[in-house]
Protein backbone atom coordinates (compact mmCIF):
# COMPACT_ATOMS: atom_id res chain seq x y z
CA MET A 1 0.00 0.00 0.00
CA GLY A 2 1.41 3.38 -1.00
CA ARG A 3 2.04 6.16 1.47
CA SER A 4 -0.84 8.34 0.17
CA ALA A 5 -3.30 5.42 0.29
CA LEU A 6 -2.26 4.67 3.89
CA SER A 7 -2.68 8.33 4.88
CA TYR A 8 -6.11 8.42 3.24
CA SER A 9 -7.15 5.23 5.07
CA VAL A 10 -6.07 6.66 8.43
CA VAL A 11 -8.01 9.89 7.83
CA VAL A 12 -11.15 7.97 6.85
CA LEU A 13 -10.82 5.71 9.91
CA VAL A 14 -10.38 8.66 12.29
CA LEU A 15 -13.35 10.54 10.82
CA SER A 16 -15.64 7.53 10.99
CA LEU A 17 -14.66 6.78 14.59
CA THR A 18 -15.18 10.39 15.59
CA ALA A 19 -18.61 10.54 13.96
CA GLY A 20 -19.63 7.25 15.58
CA CYS A 21 -18.54 8.35 19.04
CA THR A 22 -20.31 11.70 19.00
CA ALA A 23 -23.55 10.23 17.68
CA SER A 24 -23.71 7.76 20.56
CA LEU A 25 -23.20 10.31 23.34
CA PRO A 26 -26.25 10.87 25.58
CA GLY A 27 -28.04 13.99 24.45
CA ALA A 28 -26.06 14.22 21.21
CA GLY A 29 -27.94 16.34 18.74
CA GLN A 30 -30.17 17.81 21.46
CA GLY A 31 -29.87 21.29 22.84
CA ARG A 32 -28.05 21.58 26.15
CA PRO A 33 -30.35 22.76 28.94
CA GLU A 34 -29.80 26.42 29.66
CA GLN A 35 -27.66 26.76 32.77
CA THR A 36 -28.85 30.28 33.59
CA LEU A 37 -32.59 29.55 33.67
CA LEU A 38 -34.85 27.51 35.94
CA THR A 39 -38.28 26.93 34.43
CA ARG A 40 -41.72 26.59 36.02
CA LYS A 41 -41.57 22.84 35.48
CA GLN A 42 -38.35 22.59 37.54
CA ILE A 43 -39.65 24.96 40.21
CA GLU A 44 -42.96 23.15 40.84
CA ASP A 45 -41.23 20.06 42.26
CA PRO A 46 -43.00 19.30 45.58
CA ARG A 47 -39.67 19.19 47.43
CA PHE A 48 -39.35 22.96 47.10
CA SER A 49 -41.30 25.50 49.15
CA SER A 50 -39.17 28.60 48.49
CA ALA A 51 -37.02 30.07 45.76
CA TYR A 52 -34.01 29.42 47.99
CA ASP A 53 -34.80 25.68 48.10
CA VAL A 54 -35.01 25.56 44.30
CA VAL A 55 -31.78 27.44 43.68
CA ARG A 56 -29.85 25.61 46.40
CA ALA A 57 -30.89 22.19 45.04
CA LEU A 58 -30.64 22.84 41.31
CA ARG A 59 -28.06 25.62 40.90
CA GLY A 60 -26.29 26.00 44.25
CA ASN A 61 -23.36 27.76 42.57
CA TRP A 62 -25.62 30.77 41.93
CA LEU A 63 -25.72 31.52 45.67
CA THR A 64 -22.07 32.51 45.93
CA ALA A 65 -20.49 35.46 44.20
CA ARG A 66 -17.76 34.49 41.76
CA GLY A 67 -15.28 36.25 39.57
CA VAL A 68 -12.68 38.96 39.99
CA ALA A 69 -15.15 41.58 41.26
CA SER A 70 -16.35 39.26 44.04
CA LEU A 71 -12.79 38.87 45.33
CA ARG A 72 -11.82 42.50 45.07
CA LEU A 73 -15.04 44.19 46.18
CA MET A 74 -16.61 41.51 48.40
CA THR A 75 -19.95 41.87 46.59
CA ASP A 76 -22.89 39.57 47.21
CA VAL A 77 -25.31 38.05 44.78
CA GLN A 78 -28.34 40.35 44.49
CA VAL A 79 -31.94 39.17 44.17
CA TYR A 80 -34.59 40.87 42.05
CA LEU A 81 -38.29 40.01 42.07
CA ASP A 82 -40.01 41.16 38.88
CA GLY A 83 -37.44 43.93 38.47
CA VAL A 84 -37.52 45.13 42.08
CA PRO A 85 -34.26 44.75 44.05
CA LEU A 86 -34.76 42.84 47.32
CA GLY A 87 -31.25 42.29 48.68
CA GLY A 88 -28.93 39.32 49.12
CA ALA A 89 -29.49 35.62 48.45
CA GLN A 90 -31.17 35.02 51.82
CA VAL A 91 -34.30 36.89 50.70
CA LEU A 92 -35.00 33.95 48.39
CA ARG A 93 -36.22 32.10 51.50
CA GLY A 94 -39.23 34.43 51.64
CA ILE A 95 -40.38 33.85 48.05
CA SER A 96 -42.77 30.90 47.82
CA THR A 97 -42.63 28.64 44.78
CA PRO A 98 -46.31 28.70 43.71
CA SER A 99 -45.94 32.31 42.54
CA ILE A 100 -42.69 31.78 40.57
CA GLN A 101 -42.72 31.31 36.80
CA TYR A 102 -38.95 31.31 36.25
CA ILE A 103 -35.63 32.10 37.91
CA ARG A 104 -32.75 33.43 35.84
CA TYR A 105 -29.12 33.99 36.83
CA TYR A 106 -26.91 36.79 35.51
CA ASN A 107 -23.16 36.63 36.14
CA GLY A 108 -21.38 39.67 37.54
CA THR A 109 -20.42 41.11 34.18
CA ASP A 110 -23.89 40.76 32.68
CA ALA A 111 -25.57 42.02 35.87
CA THR A 112 -23.33 45.08 36.07
CA THR A 113 -24.02 45.86 32.41
CA ARG A 114 -27.78 45.55 32.96
CA TRP A 115 -28.22 47.05 36.45
CA GLY A 116 -25.01 49.00 37.09
CA VAL A 117 -22.36 49.16 39.79
CA GLY A 118 -22.93 46.99 42.87
CA HIS A 119 -23.93 43.89 40.94
CA GLY A 120 -20.47 42.37 40.49
CA GLY A 121 -21.51 39.27 42.44
CA GLY A 122 -24.30 38.52 39.97
CA VAL A 123 -28.10 38.67 40.08
CA ILE A 124 -30.73 36.03 40.68
CA PHE A 125 -33.86 37.31 38.96
CA VAL A 126 -37.17 35.78 40.06
CA GLY A 127 -40.08 36.26 37.67
CA THR A 128 -43.68 35.71 38.75
CA GLY A 129 -45.34 36.56 35.47
CA ARG A 130 -46.84 39.72 36.93
CA THR A 131 -46.10 43.01 35.24
CA PRO A 132 -42.31 43.27 35.39
CA GLY A 133 -40.66 46.30 36.91
CA PRO A 134 -37.94 48.37 35.27
CA GLY A 135 -34.92 46.36 34.23
CA ALA A 136 -36.86 43.11 34.07
CA PRO A 137 -35.56 40.65 31.47
CA PRO A 138 -37.82 38.73 29.13
CA PRO A 139 -38.69 35.27 30.51
């Protein structure tokens, strides 16, 4: 077998193995669930009675500020309910799940761009489906 035929055979073998492996992966060809959004279906699980329970169980990493700003400025994650600022992550304990339609997380950079200085730790936005306040994102 000539050198070019051997090279061609190796390329074909590698491509076919690669295609076969990716097609057999779980979820291959399906969209990856959005990591910054919790939907009504996820929230209505009977194990959860508050927004804090939902976030802690499904996206616990949202509860702690991350990134350069969080180290330098010691900023906390901020919580918004329909566009109204409520405070730090602990206020999620007072928001009951039956009223929640979605919960969305914004990292520090995106939150600062949207809401301004003081949001370097990120924002957890809770949407109830009521008329959103100023700065409310689309669901």
